Amino acid sequence: TISRDNAKNTVYLQMNSLKPEDVDVYYCAASSTPHGISWYVS
């Protein structure tokens, strides 16, 4: 579950039921370009 608190300038990723295949380095990223939400998969 992704969420954000704009008052704290913070975004969260709650990860439940973790699996061995979830092992990775996790990065957050910011986009200033307004677009449809599915565009941001790239």
PDB file of all heavy atoms in Angstrom:
ATOM      1  N   THR A   1       0.842  -1.189   0.000  1.00  0.00           N
ATOM      2  CA  THR A   1       0.000   0.000   0.000  1.00  0.00           C
ATOM      3  C   THR A   1       0.879   1.242   0.000  1.00  0.00           C
ATOM      4  O   THR A   1       1.731   1.393   0.884  1.00  0.00           O
ATOM      5  CB  THR A   1      -0.925   0.033   1.218  1.00  0.00           C
ATOM      6  OG1 THR A   1      -1.748  -1.141   1.234  1.00  0.00           O
ATOM      7  CG2 THR A   1      -1.822   1.271   1.177  1.00  0.00           C
ATOM      8  N   ILE A   2       0.650   2.109  -0.975  1.00  0.00           N
ATOM      9  CA  ILE A   2       1.374   3.368  -1.031  1.00  0.00           C
ATOM     10  C   ILE A   2       0.493   4.467  -0.442  1.00  0.00           C
ATOM     11  O   ILE A   2      -0.726   4.479  -0.644  1.00  0.00           O
ATOM     12  CB  ILE A   2       1.802   3.707  -2.479  1.00  0.00           C
ATOM     13  CG1 ILE A   2       2.750   4.904  -2.510  1.00  0.00           C
ATOM     14  CG2 ILE A   2       0.597   3.928  -3.382  1.00  0.00           C
ATOM     15  CD1 ILE A   2       3.395   5.132  -3.882  1.00  0.00           C
ATOM     16  N   SER A   3       1.111   5.373   0.308  1.00  0.00           N
ATOM     17  CA  SER A   3       0.379   6.493   0.893  1.00  0.00           C
ATOM     18  C   SER A   3       1.342   7.666   1.028  1.00  0.00           C
ATOM     19  O   SER A   3       2.548   7.510   0.846  1.00  0.00           O
ATOM     20  CB  SER A   3      -0.216   6.111   2.255  1.00  0.00           C
ATOM     21  OG  SER A   3       0.822   5.773   3.176  1.00  0.00           O
ATOM     22  N   ARG A   4       0.794   8.818   1.327  1.00  0.00           N
ATOM     23  CA  ARG A   4       1.641   9.991   1.496  1.00  0.00           C
ATOM     24  C   ARG A   4       1.050  10.918   2.537  1.00  0.00           C
ATOM     25  O   ARG A   4      -0.169  10.940   2.747  1.00  0.00           O
ATOM     26  CB  ARG A   4       1.845  10.718   0.162  1.00  0.00           C
ATOM     27  CG  ARG A   4       0.607  11.360  -0.425  1.00  0.00           C
ATOM     28  CD  ARG A   4       0.855  11.819  -1.863  1.00  0.00           C
ATOM     29  NE  ARG A   4       1.862  12.869  -1.937  1.00  0.00           N
ATOM     30  CZ  ARG A   4       2.527  13.184  -3.052  1.00  0.00           C
ATOM     31  NH1 ARG A   4       2.293  12.520  -4.176  1.00  0.00           N
ATOM     32  NH2 ARG A   4       3.420  14.164  -3.038  1.00  0.00           N
ATOM     33  N   ASP A   5       1.934  11.688   3.148  1.00  0.00           N
ATOM     34  CA  ASP A   5       1.543  12.727   4.095  1.00  0.00           C
ATOM     35  C   ASP A   5       2.194  14.013   3.589  1.00  0.00           C
ATOM     36  O   ASP A   5       3.392  14.231   3.808  1.00  0.00           O
ATOM     37  CB  ASP A   5       2.026  12.362   5.499  1.00  0.00           C
ATOM     38  CG  ASP A   5       1.551  13.347   6.555  1.00  0.00           C
ATOM     39  OD1 ASP A   5       1.226  14.496   6.196  1.00  0.00           O
ATOM     40  OD2 ASP A   5       1.539  12.976   7.731  1.00  0.00           O
ATOM     41  N   ASN A   6       1.430  14.832   2.916  1.00  0.00           N
ATOM     42  CA  ASN A   6       2.004  16.038   2.320  1.00  0.00           C
ATOM     43  C   ASN A   6       2.446  17.048   3.370  1.00  0.00           C
ATOM     44  O   ASN A   6       3.321  17.874   3.114  1.00  0.00           O
ATOM     45  CB  ASN A   6       1.016  16.656   1.339  1.00  0.00           C
ATOM     46  CG  ASN A   6       0.921  15.861   0.042  1.00  0.00           C
ATOM     47  OD1 ASN A   6       1.789  15.047  -0.267  1.00  0.00           O
ATOM     48  ND2 ASN A   6      -0.153  16.074  -0.708  1.00  0.00           N
ATOM     49  N   ALA A   7       1.859  17.003   4.544  1.00  0.00           N
ATOM     50  CA  ALA A   7       2.292  17.900   5.619  1.00  0.00           C
ATOM     51  C   ALA A   7       3.691  17.543   6.111  1.00  0.00           C
ATOM     52  O   ALA A   7       4.408  18.404   6.626  1.00  0.00           O
ATOM     53  CB  ALA A   7       1.303  17.857   6.774  1.00  0.00           C
ATOM     54  N   LYS A   8       4.063  16.277   5.942  1.00  0.00           N
ATOM     55  CA  LYS A   8       5.374  15.814   6.383  1.00  0.00           C
ATOM     56  C   LYS A   8       6.330  15.591   5.212  1.00  0.00           C
ATOM     57  O   LYS A   8       7.449  15.115   5.410  1.00  0.00           O
ATOM     58  CB  LYS A   8       5.234  14.514   7.177  1.00  0.00           C
ATOM     59  CG  LYS A   8       4.475  14.664   8.479  1.00  0.00           C
ATOM     60  CD  LYS A   8       4.424  13.339   9.241  1.00  0.00           C
ATOM     61  CE  LYS A   8       3.701  13.506  10.565  1.00  0.00           C
ATOM     62  NZ  LYS A   8       3.627  12.232  11.320  1.00  0.00           N
ATOM     63  N   ASN A   9       5.878  15.895   4.007  1.00  0.00           N
ATOM     64  CA  ASN A   9       6.718  15.686   2.820  1.00  0.00           C
ATOM     65  C   ASN A   9       7.253  14.255   2.740  1.00  0.00           C
ATOM     66  O   ASN A   9       8.434  14.036   2.439  1.00  0.00           O
ATOM     67  CB  ASN A   9       7.898  16.668   2.792  1.00  0.00           C
ATOM     68  CG  ASN A   9       7.511  18.047   2.287  1.00  0.00           C
ATOM     69  OD1 ASN A   9       6.340  18.388   2.222  1.00  0.00           O
ATOM     70  ND2 ASN A   9       8.506  18.848   1.941  1.00  0.00           N
ATOM     71  N   THR A  10       6.382  13.308   2.996  1.00  0.00           N
ATOM     72  CA  THR A  10       6.815  11.917   3.069  1.00  0.00           C
ATOM     73  C   THR A  10       5.833  11.013   2.328  1.00  0.00           C
ATOM     74  O   THR A  10       4.620  11.200   2.424  1.00  0.00           O
ATOM     75  CB  THR A  10       6.940  11.460   4.529  1.00  0.00           C
ATOM     76  OG1 THR A  10       7.857  12.322   5.213  1.00  0.00           O
ATOM     77  CG2 THR A  10       7.453  10.030   4.614  1.00  0.00           C
ATOM     78  N   VAL A  11       6.392  10.037   1.637  1.00  0.00           N
ATOM     79  CA  VAL A  11       5.591   8.992   1.006  1.00  0.00           C
ATOM     80  C   VAL A  11       6.010   7.659   1.627  1.00  0.00           C
ATOM     81  O   VAL A  11       7.171   7.477   2.000  1.00  0.00           O
ATOM     82  CB  VAL A  11       5.762   8.992  -0.525  1.00  0.00           C
ATOM     83  CG1 VAL A  11       7.201   8.699  -0.928  1.00  0.00           C
ATOM     84  CG2 VAL A  11       4.818   8.010  -1.185  1.00  0.00           C
ATOM     85  N   TYR A  12       5.050   6.765   1.754  1.00  0.00           N
ATOM     86  CA  TYR A  12       5.269   5.484   2.420  1.00  0.00           C
ATOM     87  C   TYR A  12       4.940   4.322   1.489  1.00  0.00           C
ATOM     88  O   TYR A  12       4.121   4.449   0.578  1.00  0.00           O
ATOM     89  CB  TYR A  12       4.394   5.377   3.664  1.00  0.00           C
ATOM     90  CG  TYR A  12       4.551   6.514   4.639  1.00  0.00           C
ATOM     91  CD1 TYR A  12       3.658   7.585   4.633  1.00  0.00           C
ATOM     92  CD2 TYR A  12       5.589   6.521   5.569  1.00  0.00           C
ATOM     93  CE1 TYR A  12       3.799   8.638   5.518  1.00  0.00           C
ATOM     94  CE2 TYR A  12       5.738   7.559   6.456  1.00  0.00           C
ATOM     95  CZ  TYR A  12       4.837   8.622   6.430  1.00  0.00           C
ATOM     96  OH  TYR A  12       4.981   9.662   7.314  1.00  0.00           O
ATOM     97  N   LEU A  13       5.557   3.203   1.775  1.00  0.00           N
ATOM     98  CA  LEU A  13       5.180   1.955   1.115  1.00  0.00           C
ATOM     99  C   LEU A  13       5.064   0.886   2.196  1.00  0.00           C
ATOM    100  O   LEU A  13       6.072   0.436   2.743  1.00  0.00           O
ATOM    101  CB  LEU A  13       6.199   1.528   0.058  1.00  0.00           C
ATOM    102  CG  LEU A  13       5.783   0.328  -0.791  1.00  0.00           C
ATOM    103  CD1 LEU A  13       4.589   0.678  -1.674  1.00  0.00           C
ATOM    104  CD2 LEU A  13       6.943  -0.188  -1.643  1.00  0.00           C
ATOM    105  N   GLN A  14       3.837   0.539   2.533  1.00  0.00           N
ATOM    106  CA  GLN A  14       3.585  -0.539   3.486  1.00  0.00           C
ATOM    107  C   GLN A  14       3.605  -1.855   2.730  1.00  0.00           C
ATOM    108  O   GLN A  14       2.827  -2.044   1.794  1.00  0.00           O
ATOM    109  CB  GLN A  14       2.231  -0.339   4.167  1.00  0.00           C
ATOM    110  CG  GLN A  14       1.858  -1.450   5.126  1.00  0.00           C
ATOM    111  CD  GLN A  14       2.746  -1.499   6.347  1.00  0.00           C
ATOM    112  OE1 GLN A  14       3.075  -0.467   6.926  1.00  0.00           O
ATOM    113  NE2 GLN A  14       3.158  -2.697   6.749  1.00  0.00           N
ATOM    114  N   MET A  15       4.487  -2.744   3.131  1.00  0.00           N
ATOM    115  CA  MET A  15       4.659  -4.014   2.430  1.00  0.00           C
ATOM    116  C   MET A  15       4.293  -5.143   3.379  1.00  0.00           C
ATOM    117  O   MET A  15       4.940  -5.323   4.422  1.00  0.00           O
ATOM    118  CB  MET A  15       6.106  -4.162   1.956  1.00  0.00           C
ATOM    119  CG  MET A  15       6.586  -2.998   1.098  1.00  0.00           C
ATOM    120  SD  MET A  15       8.217  -3.263   0.401  1.00  0.00           S
ATOM    121  CE  MET A  15       9.201  -3.322   1.878  1.00  0.00           C
ATOM    122  N   ASN A  16       3.265  -5.876   3.043  1.00  0.00           N
ATOM    123  CA  ASN A  16       2.795  -7.012   3.842  1.00  0.00           C
ATOM    124  C   ASN A  16       2.969  -8.309   3.056  1.00  0.00           C
ATOM    125  O   ASN A  16       3.155  -8.296   1.844  1.00  0.00           O
ATOM    126  CB  ASN A  16       1.329  -6.821   4.211  1.00  0.00           C
ATOM    127  CG  ASN A  16       1.074  -5.596   5.051  1.00  0.00           C
ATOM    128  OD1 ASN A  16       1.925  -5.173   5.834  1.00  0.00           O
ATOM    129  ND2 ASN A  16      -0.097  -5.007   4.893  1.00  0.00           N
ATOM    130  N   SER A  17       2.905  -9.404   3.771  1.00  0.00           N
ATOM    131  CA  SER A  17       3.007 -10.735   3.156  1.00  0.00           C
ATOM    132  C   SER A  17       4.224 -10.813   2.238  1.00  0.00           C
ATOM    133  O   SER A  17       4.136 -11.275   1.088  1.00  0.00           O
ATOM    134  CB  SER A  17       1.732 -11.057   2.366  1.00  0.00           C
ATOM    135  OG  SER A  17       0.600 -10.994   3.195  1.00  0.00           O
ATOM    136  N   LEU A  18       5.342 -10.378   2.748  1.00  0.00           N
ATOM    137  CA  LEU A  18       6.551 -10.333   1.926  1.00  0.00           C
ATOM    138  C   LEU A  18       7.010 -11.724   1.523  1.00  0.00           C
ATOM    139  O   LEU A  18       6.886 -12.684   2.292  1.00  0.00           O
ATOM    140  CB  LEU A  18       7.655  -9.592   2.675  1.00  0.00           C
ATOM    141  CG  LEU A  18       7.507  -8.061   2.648  1.00  0.00           C
ATOM    142  CD1 LEU A  18       8.326  -7.413   3.748  1.00  0.00           C
ATOM    143  CD2 LEU A  18       7.893  -7.514   1.285  1.00  0.00           C
ATOM    144  N   LYS A  19       7.544 -11.800   0.312  1.00  0.00           N
ATOM    145  CA  LYS A  19       8.005 -13.056  -0.267  1.00  0.00           C
ATOM    146  C   LYS A  19       9.499 -12.954  -0.573  1.00  0.00           C
ATOM    147  O   LYS A  19      10.013 -11.836  -0.761  1.00  0.00           O
ATOM    148  CB  LYS A  19       7.241 -13.326  -1.567  1.00  0.00           C
ATOM    149  CG  LYS A  19       5.736 -13.332  -1.446  1.00  0.00           C
ATOM    150  CD  LYS A  19       5.091 -13.483  -2.817  1.00  0.00           C
ATOM    151  CE  LYS A  19       3.573 -13.457  -2.727  1.00  0.00           C
ATOM    152  NZ  LYS A  19       2.939 -13.581  -4.070  1.00  0.00           N
ATOM    153  N   PRO A  20      10.175 -14.073  -0.670  1.00  0.00           N
ATOM    154  CA  PRO A  20      11.604 -14.018  -1.039  1.00  0.00           C
ATOM    155  C   PRO A  20      11.851 -13.274  -2.347  1.00  0.00           C
ATOM    156  O   PRO A  20      12.888 -12.617  -2.503  1.00  0.00           O
ATOM    157  CB  PRO A  20      11.987 -15.502  -1.130  1.00  0.00           C
ATOM    158  CG  PRO A  20      11.057 -16.179  -0.175  1.00  0.00           C
ATOM    159  CD  PRO A  20       9.756 -15.432  -0.295  1.00  0.00           C
ATOM    160  N   GLU A  21      10.909 -13.330  -3.268  1.00  0.00           N
ATOM    161  CA  GLU A  21      11.102 -12.636  -4.542  1.00  0.00           C
ATOM    162  C   GLU A  21      10.942 -11.120  -4.436  1.00  0.00           C
ATOM    163  O   GLU A  21      11.150 -10.401  -5.401  1.00  0.00           O
ATOM    164  CB  GLU A  21      10.149 -13.175  -5.619  1.00  0.00           C
ATOM    165  CG  GLU A  21       8.697 -13.209  -5.215  1.00  0.00           C
ATOM    166  CD  GLU A  21       8.274 -14.583  -4.709  1.00  0.00           C
ATOM    167  OE1 GLU A  21       9.044 -15.210  -3.941  1.00  0.00           O
ATOM    168  OE2 GLU A  21       7.157 -15.020  -5.075  1.00  0.00           O
ATOM    169  N   ASP A  22      10.549 -10.625  -3.260  1.00  0.00           N
ATOM    170  CA  ASP A  22      10.470  -9.179  -3.036  1.00  0.00           C
ATOM    171  C   ASP A  22      11.822  -8.575  -2.656  1.00  0.00           C
ATOM    172  O   ASP A  22      11.924  -7.360  -2.464  1.00  0.00           O
ATOM    173  CB  ASP A  22       9.460  -8.856  -1.937  1.00  0.00           C
ATOM    174  CG  ASP A  22       8.041  -9.175  -2.350  1.00  0.00           C
ATOM    175  OD1 ASP A  22       7.679  -8.912  -3.503  1.00  0.00           O
ATOM    176  OD2 ASP A  22       7.289  -9.697  -1.489  1.00  0.00           O
ATOM    177  N   VAL A  23      12.840  -9.415  -2.549  1.00  0.00           N
ATOM    178  CA  VAL A  23      14.169  -8.926  -2.192  1.00  0.00           C
ATOM    179  C   VAL A  23      14.697  -8.033  -3.307  1.00  0.00           C
ATOM    180  O   VAL A  23      14.832  -8.453  -4.448  1.00  0.00           O
ATOM    181  CB  VAL A  23      15.142 -10.099  -1.974  1.00  0.00           C
ATOM    182  CG1 VAL A  23      16.565  -9.577  -1.788  1.00  0.00           C
ATOM    183  CG2 VAL A  23      14.724 -10.924  -0.789  1.00  0.00           C
ATOM    184  N   ASP A  24      14.966  -6.787  -2.972  1.00  0.00           N
ATOM    185  CA  ASP A  24      15.413  -5.809  -3.954  1.00  0.00           C
ATOM    186  C   ASP A  24      15.914  -4.575  -3.208  1.00  0.00           C
ATOM    187  O   ASP A  24      15.665  -4.414  -2.018  1.00  0.00           O
ATOM    188  CB  ASP A  24      14.261  -5.362  -4.870  1.00  0.00           C
ATOM    189  CG  ASP A  24      13.921  -6.371  -5.953  1.00  0.00           C
ATOM    190  OD1 ASP A  24      14.843  -6.802  -6.667  1.00  0.00           O
ATOM    191  OD2 ASP A  24      12.724  -6.707  -6.086  1.00  0.00           O
ATOM    192  N   VAL A  25      16.531  -3.695  -3.965  1.00  0.00           N
ATOM    193  CA  VAL A  25      16.728  -2.330  -3.492  1.00  0.00           C
ATOM    194  C   VAL A  25      15.498  -1.537  -3.934  1.00  0.00           C
ATOM    195  O   VAL A  25      15.109  -1.593  -5.107  1.00  0.00           O
ATOM    196  CB  VAL A  25      18.013  -1.696  -4.057  1.00  0.00           C
ATOM    197  CG1 VAL A  25      18.144  -0.259  -3.594  1.00  0.00           C
ATOM    198  CG2 VAL A  25      19.222  -2.521  -3.639  1.00  0.00           C
ATOM    199  N   TYR A  26      14.887  -0.850  -2.996  1.00  0.00           N
ATOM    200  CA  TYR A  26      13.679  -0.091  -3.272  1.00  0.00           C
ATOM    201  C   TYR A  26      14.020   1.395  -3.365  1.00  0.00           C
ATOM    202  O   TYR A  26      14.691   1.942  -2.480  1.00  0.00           O
ATOM    203  CB  TYR A  26      12.638  -0.333  -2.182  1.00  0.00           C
ATOM    204  CG  TYR A  26      11.953  -1.665  -2.335  1.00  0.00           C
ATOM    205  CD1 TYR A  26      12.628  -2.845  -2.061  1.00  0.00           C
ATOM    206  CD2 TYR A  26      10.635  -1.745  -2.781  1.00  0.00           C
ATOM    207  CE1 TYR A  26      12.011  -4.079  -2.229  1.00  0.00           C
ATOM    208  CE2 TYR A  26      10.015  -2.974  -2.943  1.00  0.00           C
ATOM    209  CZ  TYR A  26      10.702  -4.135  -2.673  1.00  0.00           C
ATOM    210  OH  TYR A  26      10.090  -5.347  -2.838  1.00  0.00           O
ATOM    211  N   TYR A  27      13.522   2.009  -4.432  1.00  0.00           N
ATOM    212  CA  TYR A  27      13.781   3.424  -4.705  1.00  0.00           C
ATOM    213  C   TYR A  27      12.479   4.203  -4.747  1.00  0.00           C
ATOM    214  O   TYR A  27      11.483   3.722  -5.304  1.00  0.00           O
ATOM    215  CB  TYR A  27      14.462   3.595  -6.059  1.00  0.00           C
ATOM    216  CG  TYR A  27      15.802   2.933  -6.206  1.00  0.00           C
ATOM    217  CD1 TYR A  27      15.904   1.616  -6.654  1.00  0.00           C
ATOM    218  CD2 TYR A  27      16.975   3.627  -5.915  1.00  0.00           C
ATOM    219  CE1 TYR A  27      17.128   1.000  -6.791  1.00  0.00           C
ATOM    220  CE2 TYR A  27      18.213   3.016  -6.053  1.00  0.00           C
ATOM    221  CZ  TYR A  27      18.284   1.704  -6.492  1.00  0.00           C
ATOM    222  OH  TYR A  27      19.503   1.098  -6.633  1.00  0.00           O
ATOM    223  N   CYS A  28      12.485   5.401  -4.195  1.00  0.00           N
ATOM    224  CA  CYS A  28      11.354   6.284  -4.445  1.00  0.00           C
ATOM    225  C   CYS A  28      11.768   7.309  -5.489  1.00  0.00           C
ATOM    226  O   CYS A  28      12.956   7.592  -5.682  1.00  0.00           O
ATOM    227  CB  CYS A  28      10.853   6.955  -3.171  1.00  0.00           C
ATOM    228  SG  CYS A  28      11.916   8.212  -2.486  1.00  0.00           S
ATOM    229  N   ALA A  29      10.770   7.828  -6.167  1.00  0.00           N
ATOM    230  CA  ALA A  29      11.003   8.752  -7.266  1.00  0.00           C
ATOM    231  C   ALA A  29       9.883   9.772  -7.326  1.00  0.00           C
ATOM    232  O   ALA A  29       8.758   9.484  -6.918  1.00  0.00           O
ATOM    233  CB  ALA A  29      11.093   7.992  -8.593  1.00  0.00           C
ATOM    234  N   ALA A  30      10.202  10.942  -7.857  1.00  0.00           N
ATOM    235  CA  ALA A  30       9.245  12.043  -7.946  1.00  0.00           C
ATOM    236  C   ALA A  30       9.099  12.497  -9.391  1.00  0.00           C
ATOM    237  O   ALA A  30      10.095  12.614 -10.108  1.00  0.00           O
ATOM    238  CB  ALA A  30       9.709  13.211  -7.079  1.00  0.00           C
ATOM    239  N   SER A  31       7.864  12.752  -9.777  1.00  0.00           N
ATOM    240  CA  SER A  31       7.585  13.251 -11.118  1.00  0.00           C
ATOM    241  C   SER A  31       6.778  14.525 -11.035  1.00  0.00           C
ATOM    242  O   SER A  31       5.728  14.564 -10.392  1.00  0.00           O
ATOM    243  CB  SER A  31       6.811  12.210 -11.931  1.00  0.00           C
ATOM    244  OG  SER A  31       6.457  12.738 -13.193  1.00  0.00           O
ATOM    245  N   SER A  32       7.242  15.576 -11.707  1.00  0.00           N
ATOM    246  CA  SER A  32       6.549  16.867 -11.697  1.00  0.00           C
ATOM    247  C   SER A  32       5.627  17.030 -12.889  1.00  0.00           C
ATOM    248  O   SER A  32       4.940  18.051 -13.002  1.00  0.00           O
ATOM    249  CB  SER A  32       7.579  18.003 -11.685  1.00  0.00           C
ATOM    250  OG  SER A  32       8.397  17.934 -12.847  1.00  0.00           O
ATOM    251  N   THR A  33       5.579  16.032 -13.764  1.00  0.00           N
ATOM    252  CA  THR A  33       4.783  16.143 -14.991  1.00  0.00           C
ATOM    253  C   THR A  33       3.391  15.581 -14.771  1.00  0.00           C
ATOM    254  O   THR A  33       3.242  14.402 -14.487  1.00  0.00           O
ATOM    255  CB  THR A  33       5.448  15.377 -16.138  1.00  0.00           C
ATOM    256  OG1 THR A  33       6.780  15.848 -16.301  1.00  0.00           O
ATOM    257  CG2 THR A  33       4.674  15.584 -17.425  1.00  0.00           C
ATOM    258  N   PRO A  34       2.357  16.389 -14.896  1.00  0.00           N
ATOM    259  CA  PRO A  34       0.998  15.859 -14.721  1.00  0.00           C
ATOM    260  C   PRO A  34       0.607  14.950 -15.882  1.00  0.00           C
ATOM    261  O   PRO A  34       0.826  15.282 -17.044  1.00  0.00           O
ATOM    262  CB  PRO A  34       0.128  17.116 -14.687  1.00  0.00           C
ATOM    263  CG  PRO A  34       0.929  18.154 -15.392  1.00  0.00           C
ATOM    264  CD  PRO A  34       2.365  17.829 -15.174  1.00  0.00           C
ATOM    265  N   HIS A  35       0.061  13.795 -15.518  1.00  0.00           N
ATOM    266  CA  HIS A  35      -0.321  12.821 -16.548  1.00  0.00           C
ATOM    267  C   HIS A  35      -1.271  11.823 -15.919  1.00  0.00           C
ATOM    268  O   HIS A  35      -1.486  11.824 -14.698  1.00  0.00           O
ATOM    269  CB  HIS A  35       0.944  12.115 -17.056  1.00  0.00           C
ATOM    270  CG  HIS A  35       0.906  11.819 -18.533  1.00  0.00           C
ATOM    271  ND1 HIS A  35       0.186  10.780 -19.071  1.00  0.00           N
ATOM    272  CD2 HIS A  35       1.504  12.431 -19.574  1.00  0.00           C
ATOM    273  CE1 HIS A  35       0.332  10.777 -20.379  1.00  0.00           C
ATOM    274  NE2 HIS A  35       1.129  11.769 -20.713  1.00  0.00           N
ATOM    275  N   GLY A  36      -1.847  10.970 -16.753  1.00  0.00           N
ATOM    276  CA  GLY A  36      -2.662   9.892 -16.227  1.00  0.00           C
ATOM    277  C   GLY A  36      -1.833   8.971 -15.368  1.00  0.00           C
ATOM    278  O   GLY A  36      -0.652   8.756 -15.626  1.00  0.00           O
ATOM    279  N   ILE A  37      -2.459   8.394 -14.371  1.00  0.00           N
ATOM    280  CA  ILE A  37      -1.707   7.664 -13.354  1.00  0.00           C
ATOM    281  C   ILE A  37      -0.930   6.497 -13.927  1.00  0.00           C
ATOM    282  O   ILE A  37       0.187   6.187 -13.474  1.00  0.00           O
ATOM    283  CB  ILE A  37      -2.645   7.204 -12.207  1.00  0.00           C
ATOM    284  CG1 ILE A  37      -1.835   6.801 -10.983  1.00  0.00           C
ATOM    285  CG2 ILE A  37      -3.576   6.089 -12.675  1.00  0.00           C
ATOM    286  CD1 ILE A  37      -1.184   7.946 -10.257  1.00  0.00           C
ATOM    287  N   SER A  38      -1.439   5.847 -14.957  1.00  0.00           N
ATOM    288  CA  SER A  38      -0.754   4.672 -15.507  1.00  0.00           C
ATOM    289  C   SER A  38       0.519   5.045 -16.261  1.00  0.00           C
ATOM    290  O   SER A  38       1.357   4.188 -16.518  1.00  0.00           O
ATOM    291  CB  SER A  38      -1.696   3.883 -16.417  1.00  0.00           C
ATOM    292  OG  SER A  38      -2.116   4.695 -17.500  1.00  0.00           O
ATOM    293  N   TRP A  39       0.677   6.306 -16.590  1.00  0.00           N
ATOM    294  CA  TRP A  39       1.885   6.757 -17.289  1.00  0.00           C
ATOM    295  C   TRP A  39       3.122   6.604 -16.419  1.00  0.00           C
ATOM    296  O   TRP A  39       4.234   6.446 -16.915  1.00  0.00           O
ATOM    297  CB  TRP A  39       1.697   8.209 -17.718  1.00  0.00           C
ATOM    298  CG  TRP A  39       2.788   8.779 -18.553  1.00  0.00           C
ATOM    299  CD1 TRP A  39       3.099   8.451 -19.836  1.00  0.00           C
ATOM    300  CD2 TRP A  39       3.703   9.817 -18.169  1.00  0.00           C
ATOM    301  NE1 TRP A  39       4.157   9.227 -20.280  1.00  0.00           N
ATOM    302  CE2 TRP A  39       4.537  10.065 -19.282  1.00  0.00           C
ATOM    303  CE3 TRP A  39       3.899  10.560 -17.005  1.00  0.00           C
ATOM    304  CZ2 TRP A  39       5.538  11.022 -19.249  1.00  0.00           C
ATOM    305  CZ3 TRP A  39       4.882  11.520 -16.987  1.00  0.00           C
ATOM    306  CH2 TRP A  39       5.700  11.734 -18.088  1.00  0.00           C
ATOM    307  N   TYR A  40       2.915   6.645 -15.124  1.00  0.00           N
ATOM    308  CA  TYR A  40       4.027   6.674 -14.188  1.00  0.00           C
ATOM    309  C   TYR A  40       4.640   5.296 -13.930  1.00  0.00           C
ATOM    310  O   TYR A  40       5.481   5.150 -13.056  1.00  0.00           O
ATOM    311  CB  TYR A  40       3.569   7.276 -12.862  1.00  0.00           C
ATOM    312  CG  TYR A  40       3.136   8.708 -12.985  1.00  0.00           C
ATOM    313  CD1 TYR A  40       1.797   9.051 -12.926  1.00  0.00           C
ATOM    314  CD2 TYR A  40       4.063   9.731 -13.165  1.00  0.00           C
ATOM    315  CE1 TYR A  40       1.391  10.372 -13.034  1.00  0.00           C
ATOM    316  CE2 TYR A  40       3.672  11.054 -13.267  1.00  0.00           C
ATOM    317  CZ  TYR A  40       2.325  11.359 -13.209  1.00  0.00           C
ATOM    318  OH  TYR A  40       1.924  12.663 -13.327  1.00  0.00           O
ATOM    319  N   VAL A  41       4.245   4.278 -14.676  1.00  0.00           N
ATOM    320  CA  VAL A  41       4.861   2.967 -14.506  1.00  0.00           C
ATOM    321  C   VAL A  41       6.258   2.939 -15.124  1.00  0.00           C
ATOM    322  O   VAL A  41       7.057   2.052 -14.835  1.00  0.00           O
ATOM    323  CB  VAL A  41       3.995   1.836 -15.111  1.00  0.00           C
ATOM    324  CG1 VAL A  41       2.621   1.833 -14.484  1.00  0.00           C
ATOM    325  CG2 VAL A  41       3.913   1.959 -16.619  1.00  0.00           C
ATOM    326  N   SER A  42       6.552   3.914 -15.953  1.00  0.00           N
ATOM    327  CA  SER A  42       7.857   3.967 -16.612  1.00  0.00           C
ATOM    328  C   SER A  42       8.828   4.794 -15.779  1.00  0.00           C
ATOM    329  O   SER A  42       8.493   5.891 -15.331  1.00  0.00           O
ATOM    330  CB  SER A  42       7.721   4.584 -17.998  1.00  0.00           C
ATOM    331  OG  SER A  42       9.001   4.821 -18.553  1.00  0.00           O
TER     332      SER A  42
END
